């Protein structure tokens, strides 16, 4: 049975949903189906669905496993304005300043 979700403010809850949406966007852009992604990450397809839906009770380790499978990084900081951009790079920045990037170019 899934753990009870923590009580979150609406802003933090939206941030979690944004992370999930970006993960799903990356998975689909790579043409990876949910079952293959989940199996590669060592999680169930239901857990992947919960991650992509922004469910806050999913373990951080599960999120990290999916990020690794999709070759994504999660950078968290308060001054991401210093992140450099060039023609090959584009960043998906959510409202709280998390930047997702892949290993070769940026997502």
Protein backbone atom coordinates (compact mmCIF):
# COMPACT_ATOMS: atom_id res chain seq x y z
CA UNK A 1 0.00 0.00 0.00
CA UNK A 2 1.37 3.45 -0.86
CA UNK A 3 2.54 5.69 1.95
CA UNK A 4 0.33 8.53 3.10
CA UNK A 5 1.15 11.68 1.17
CA UNK A 6 2.59 14.50 3.24
CA UNK A 7 0.56 17.69 3.68
CA UNK A 8 1.94 20.14 1.14
CA UNK A 9 1.22 23.72 0.30
CA UNK A 10 -0.43 24.26 -3.09
CA UNK A 11 2.81 25.73 -4.49
CA UNK A 12 4.91 22.76 -3.48
CA UNK A 13 2.26 20.37 -4.74
CA UNK A 14 2.28 22.12 -8.13
CA UNK A 15 6.08 21.87 -8.22
CA UNK A 16 5.83 18.10 -7.78
CA UNK A 17 3.33 17.91 -10.61
CA UNK A 18 5.66 19.91 -12.82
CA UNK A 19 8.55 17.53 -12.12
CA UNK A 20 6.33 14.59 -13.05
CA UNK A 21 5.17 16.28 -16.23
CA UNK A 22 8.75 16.99 -17.30
CA UNK A 23 9.71 13.36 -16.65
CA UNK A 24 6.80 12.17 -18.78
CA UNK A 25 7.67 14.67 -21.53
CA UNK A 26 11.27 13.39 -21.63
CA UNK A 27 10.18 9.74 -21.66
CA UNK A 28 7.82 10.34 -24.56
CA UNK A 29 10.40 12.44 -26.44
CA UNK A 30 12.77 9.47 -26.23
CA UNK A 31 10.05 7.14 -27.46
CA UNK A 32 10.26 4.98 -24.33
CA UNK A 33 7.03 3.32 -23.24
CA UNK A 34 6.02 3.39 -19.58
CA UNK A 35 6.56 -0.33 -19.01
CA UNK A 36 10.12 -0.29 -20.39
CA UNK A 37 10.99 2.84 -18.41
CA UNK A 38 9.61 1.40 -15.18
CA UNK A 39 11.38 -1.93 -15.65
CA UNK A 40 14.68 -0.18 -16.39
CA UNK A 41 14.29 1.92 -13.24
CA UNK A 42 13.42 -1.11 -11.13
CA UNK A 43 9.98 0.20 -10.20
CA UNK A 44 6.43 -0.78 -11.09
CA UNK A 45 4.53 0.84 -13.92
CA UNK A 46 2.06 2.11 -11.31
CA UNK A 47 4.90 3.85 -9.45
CA UNK A 48 6.06 5.47 -12.69
CA UNK A 49 2.49 6.64 -13.31
CA UNK A 50 2.43 8.12 -9.80
CA UNK A 51 5.76 9.89 -10.40
CA UNK A 52 4.54 11.33 -13.70
CA UNK A 53 1.35 12.44 -11.93
CA UNK A 54 3.34 14.24 -9.21
CA UNK A 55 2.11 12.09 -6.32
CA UNK A 56 4.16 13.31 -3.32
CA UNK A 57 4.29 10.01 -1.40
CA UNK A 58 6.53 8.28 -3.97
CA UNK A 59 10.04 7.80 -2.58
CA UNK A 60 12.77 10.14 -3.70
CA UNK A 61 14.81 7.08 -4.67
CA UNK A 62 12.16 6.10 -7.21
CA UNK A 63 12.31 9.58 -8.72
CA UNK A 64 16.12 9.35 -8.89
CA UNK A 65 15.97 5.92 -10.57
CA UNK A 66 13.67 7.28 -13.29
CA UNK A 67 15.83 10.38 -13.77
CA UNK A 68 18.85 8.11 -14.25
CA UNK A 69 17.06 5.89 -16.79
CA UNK A 70 16.00 8.95 -18.78
CA UNK A 71 19.49 10.50 -18.50
CA UNK A 72 18.16 13.53 -16.62
CA UNK A 73 19.59 15.56 -13.77
CA UNK A 74 17.67 17.57 -11.21
CA UNK A 75 19.47 20.75 -10.23
CA UNK A 76 18.04 22.68 -7.33
CA UNK A 77 19.15 26.12 -6.33
CA UNK A 78 18.10 29.62 -5.50
CA UNK A 79 20.13 31.41 -8.16
CA UNK A 80 19.68 29.47 -11.37
CA UNK A 81 19.93 32.68 -13.36
CA UNK A 82 23.66 31.90 -13.53
CA UNK A 83 23.02 28.73 -15.54
CA UNK A 84 24.59 29.32 -18.97
CA UNK A 85 22.58 28.81 -22.14
CA UNK A 86 23.90 28.30 -25.65
CA UNK A 87 22.40 27.36 -29.02
CA UNK A 88 22.50 23.61 -28.25
CA UNK A 89 21.07 23.96 -24.78
CA UNK A 90 17.59 24.63 -23.56
CA UNK A 91 16.34 24.30 -20.03
CA UNK A 92 12.96 23.35 -18.65
CA UNK A 93 12.72 25.48 -15.55
CA UNK A 94 9.80 25.12 -13.22
CA UNK A 95 8.32 27.79 -11.01
CA UNK A 96 10.59 26.95 -8.07
CA UNK A 97 13.79 26.91 -10.08
CA UNK A 98 14.47 23.23 -10.78
CA UNK A 99 16.35 22.66 -14.01
CA UNK A 100 16.24 19.36 -15.86
CA UNK A 101 19.07 18.53 -18.19
CA UNK A 102 20.24 15.46 -20.02
CA UNK A 103 23.78 14.23 -20.38
CA UNK A 104 24.43 15.30 -23.99
CA UNK A 105 22.42 18.41 -24.60
CA UNK A 106 19.75 20.00 -22.52
CA UNK A 107 16.17 18.90 -22.39
